[in-house]
């Protein structure tokens, strides 16, 4: 069973998320009201996924995400917020978030995406991706990649793991990791989640 930590400074939001995730068969191991408490509860409970609000008093969601993802074997941190602005997306991803979902995401879809994140895949609400469409250089930036690197990036944007990319392209998982690493270096990106988002925007 996927274990989830909910982080939001609104108690009603935490209660709502706990209810809908529990009804979908996920285990909510705790709820934190701010980023500092979130870090403490990650250490205490070891969740698979953290649903992280961005704007909270004290330690905000971006700072908490950075602290959590710096831990050994960290959980997937998925930002869950009402804000779809590109600046928020970029800050969360730079902090190591594995995805970015809107609070308006339908309950069933939210639960499914949490499961996807728990398997190590990047997850995004479509409005967060299309909201970055104004960054018109995405396609130009991707042009520096080889054809195979672009194919790998496109499959990452679909949420595929390295093993799934390998199966689709008839490559070993080690070869896929090599293409991902090369693409990250060429594009000056920090992680595969950023690569997946850029590929989504450049498609």
Protein backbone atom coordinates (compact mmCIF):
# COMPACT_ATOMS: atom_id res chain seq x y z
CA UNK A 1 0.00 0.00 0.00
CA UNK A 2 1.24 3.49 -0.87
CA UNK A 3 1.92 5.56 2.26
CA UNK A 4 1.21 9.30 1.97
CA UNK A 5 2.01 12.33 4.11
CA UNK A 6 -0.26 15.33 3.58
CA UNK A 7 1.17 18.82 4.17
CA UNK A 8 -1.11 21.87 4.25
CA UNK A 9 -1.69 24.71 6.71
CA UNK A 10 -5.46 24.40 6.26
CA UNK A 11 -6.85 21.63 8.53
CA UNK A 12 -9.91 21.21 6.31
CA UNK A 13 -7.72 20.57 3.29
CA UNK A 14 -5.75 17.93 5.18
CA UNK A 15 -8.97 16.28 6.34
CA UNK A 16 -10.40 16.31 2.80
CA UNK A 17 -7.26 14.82 1.29
CA UNK A 18 -7.08 12.18 4.00
CA UNK A 19 -10.66 11.16 3.26
CA UNK A 20 -10.36 10.94 -0.53
CA UNK A 21 -6.99 9.20 -0.49
CA UNK A 22 -8.14 6.73 2.15
CA UNK A 23 -11.27 5.97 0.14
CA UNK A 24 -9.03 5.22 -2.85
CA UNK A 25 -7.04 2.65 -0.89
CA UNK A 26 -4.02 4.78 0.01
CA UNK A 27 -2.71 5.03 3.57
CA UNK A 28 -2.35 8.57 4.93
CA UNK A 29 0.28 8.22 7.66
CA UNK A 30 0.07 11.78 8.92
CA UNK A 31 -0.67 15.44 8.25
CA UNK A 32 1.65 18.40 8.77
CA UNK A 33 0.66 22.06 9.08
CA UNK A 34 3.95 23.54 7.86
CA UNK A 35 7.21 22.63 6.19
CA UNK A 36 9.19 22.12 9.39
CA UNK A 37 6.65 19.63 10.71
CA UNK A 38 6.62 17.91 7.31
CA UNK A 39 10.34 17.23 7.55
CA UNK A 40 9.91 15.79 11.06
CA UNK A 41 7.05 13.52 9.98
CA UNK A 42 8.94 12.24 6.95
CA UNK A 43 11.69 11.09 9.31
CA UNK A 44 9.14 9.60 11.72
CA UNK A 45 6.83 7.80 9.29
CA UNK A 46 8.89 7.20 6.11
CA UNK A 47 6.06 7.84 3.60
CA UNK A 48 6.31 6.90 -0.07
CA UNK A 49 4.82 10.19 -1.26
CA UNK A 50 4.49 13.65 0.29
CA UNK A 51 1.69 15.90 -0.98
CA UNK A 52 3.16 19.34 -0.33
CA UNK A 53 1.40 22.70 -0.23
CA UNK A 54 3.60 25.59 -1.38
CA UNK A 55 2.49 28.63 0.58
CA UNK A 56 2.65 28.05 4.33
CA UNK A 57 3.85 30.11 7.30
CA UNK A 58 7.36 29.52 8.57
CA UNK A 59 9.11 26.96 6.41
CA UNK A 60 7.27 27.02 3.07
CA UNK A 61 6.72 24.10 0.72
CA UNK A 62 9.69 24.83 -1.53
CA UNK A 63 12.14 24.93 1.38
CA UNK A 64 10.62 21.80 2.90
CA UNK A 65 10.84 20.01 -0.45
CA UNK A 66 14.53 20.83 -0.70
CA UNK A 67 15.16 19.48 2.80
CA UNK A 68 13.21 16.29 2.19
CA UNK A 69 14.71 15.47 -1.19
CA UNK A 70 18.19 15.91 0.28
CA UNK A 71 17.53 13.00 2.66
CA UNK A 72 18.91 9.51 1.94
CA UNK A 73 16.28 7.57 -0.04
CA UNK A 74 13.69 10.38 0.11
CA UNK A 75 10.01 9.98 -0.68
CA UNK A 76 8.56 11.47 -3.84
CA UNK A 77 7.45 15.02 -3.08
CA UNK A 78 4.47 16.12 -5.16
CA UNK A 79 3.45 19.76 -4.88
CA UNK A 80 -0.32 20.18 -4.50
CA UNK A 81 -1.43 23.77 -4.79
CA UNK A 82 -3.94 26.22 -6.20
CA UNK A 83 -1.22 28.12 -8.05
CA UNK A 84 -0.40 27.12 -11.62
CA UNK A 85 2.06 29.93 -12.33
CA UNK A 86 5.28 28.92 -14.03
CA UNK A 87 7.48 30.53 -11.37
CA UNK A 88 6.00 28.20 -8.76
CA UNK A 89 6.49 25.18 -11.01
CA UNK A 90 10.13 26.02 -11.60
CA UNK A 91 10.89 26.70 -7.94
CA UNK A 92 9.29 23.44 -6.86
CA UNK A 93 11.14 21.42 -9.50
CA UNK A 94 14.44 23.10 -8.71
CA UNK A 95 13.88 22.07 -5.09
CA UNK A 96 13.54 18.45 -6.22
CA UNK A 97 9.78 17.95 -6.50
CA UNK A 98 8.72 14.87 -8.46
CA UNK A 99 5.58 16.54 -9.75
CA UNK A 100 3.15 19.41 -9.50
CA UNK A 101 -0.62 18.97 -9.21
CA UNK A 102 -3.47 21.41 -8.76
CA UNK A 103 -5.89 21.12 -5.85
CA UNK A 104 -8.68 21.11 -8.44
CA UNK A 105 -7.48 17.68 -9.66
CA UNK A 106 -10.44 15.22 -9.48
CA UNK A 107 -10.14 12.85 -6.48
CA UNK A 108 -9.85 9.64 -8.52
CA UNK A 109 -7.22 11.17 -10.79
CA UNK A 110 -5.32 12.50 -7.77
CA UNK A 111 -5.13 9.05 -6.18
CA UNK A 112 -3.95 7.51 -9.45
CA UNK A 113 -1.24 10.16 -9.86
CA UNK A 114 -0.04 9.60 -6.28
CA UNK A 115 0.42 5.92 -7.14
CA UNK A 116 2.33 6.89 -10.27
CA UNK A 117 4.60 9.19 -8.24
CA UNK A 118 5.23 6.40 -5.73
CA UNK A 119 6.61 4.29 -8.60
CA UNK A 120 9.20 6.98 -9.34
CA UNK A 121 7.48 8.72 -12.24
CA UNK A 122 7.04 12.44 -12.81
CA UNK A 123 3.43 13.66 -12.54
CA UNK A 124 1.92 16.96 -13.68
CA UNK A 125 -1.52 18.48 -13.93
CA UNK A 126 -2.09 19.42 -17.55
CA UNK A 127 -2.74 23.12 -16.69
CA UNK A 128 0.70 23.33 -15.07
CA UNK A 129 2.29 22.14 -18.29
CA UNK A 130 0.22 24.24 -20.66
CA UNK A 131 0.71 27.19 -18.34
CA UNK A 132 4.34 27.13 -19.34
CA UNK A 133 3.56 27.15 -23.05
CA UNK A 134 4.55 30.82 -23.20
CA UNK A 135 8.17 29.69 -22.76
CA UNK A 136 8.63 29.48 -26.53
CA UNK A 137 12.25 28.35 -26.40
CA UNK A 138 11.39 24.81 -25.20
CA UNK A 139 11.47 23.36 -28.71
CA UNK A 140 14.65 25.28 -29.54
CA UNK A 141 16.36 23.98 -26.39
CA UNK A 142 15.37 20.40 -27.15
CA UNK A 143 16.91 20.73 -30.61
CA UNK A 144 20.39 20.30 -29.10
CA UNK A 145 19.52 16.69 -28.24
CA UNK A 146 20.10 13.75 -30.52
CA UNK A 147 17.07 12.02 -32.02
CA UNK A 148 17.36 9.20 -29.49
CA UNK A 149 17.70 11.59 -26.56
CA UNK A 150 14.55 13.40 -27.69
CA UNK A 151 12.71 10.06 -27.92
CA UNK A 152 13.77 9.21 -24.38
CA UNK A 153 12.74 12.64 -23.12
CA UNK A 154 9.32 12.34 -24.80
CA UNK A 155 8.68 9.03 -23.04
CA UNK A 156 9.73 10.53 -19.72
CA UNK A 157 7.12 13.23 -20.36
CA UNK A 158 4.55 10.43 -20.68
CA UNK A 159 5.52 9.26 -17.19
CA UNK A 160 7.59 6.23 -18.23
CA UNK A 161 10.27 4.83 -15.95
CA UNK A 162 13.74 4.03 -17.31
CA UNK A 163 12.75 0.37 -17.59
CA UNK A 164 9.59 1.26 -19.52
CA UNK A 165 11.51 3.59 -21.83
CA UNK A 166 13.96 0.77 -22.48
CA UNK A 167 11.16 -1.63 -23.31
CA UNK A 168 9.53 0.85 -25.69
CA UNK A 169 12.77 1.70 -27.50
CA UNK A 170 14.41 -1.75 -27.24
CA UNK A 171 17.28 -0.42 -25.13
CA UNK A 172 18.84 -1.63 -21.89
CA UNK A 173 17.97 0.34 -18.76
CA UNK A 174 21.64 1.32 -18.41
CA UNK A 175 21.59 2.76 -21.95
CA UNK A 176 18.45 4.76 -21.13
CA UNK A 177 20.14 6.16 -18.02
CA UNK A 178 23.05 7.20 -20.22
CA UNK A 179 20.76 9.07 -22.61
CA UNK A 180 18.99 10.78 -19.69
CA UNK A 181 22.30 11.84 -18.15
CA UNK A 182 23.54 13.16 -21.50
CA UNK A 183 20.33 15.12 -22.08
CA UNK A 184 20.48 16.66 -18.60
CA UNK A 185 24.05 17.79 -19.21
CA UNK A 186 23.28 19.30 -22.63
CA UNK A 187 20.22 21.15 -21.29
CA UNK A 188 21.79 22.16 -17.97
CA UNK A 189 18.95 20.54 -16.02
CA UNK A 190 19.15 19.03 -12.55
CA UNK A 191 16.89 15.99 -12.76
CA UNK A 192 14.65 13.84 -14.95
CA UNK A 193 11.51 15.61 -13.74
CA UNK A 194 12.75 18.88 -15.22
CA UNK A 195 13.59 17.04 -18.45
CA UNK A 196 10.09 15.53 -18.57
CA UNK A 197 8.47 18.93 -18.12
CA UNK A 198 10.62 20.54 -20.79
CA UNK A 199 9.79 17.71 -23.19
CA UNK A 200 6.07 18.19 -22.45
CA UNK A 201 6.34 21.88 -23.31
CA UNK A 202 8.37 21.23 -26.46
CA UNK A 203 6.09 18.54 -27.87
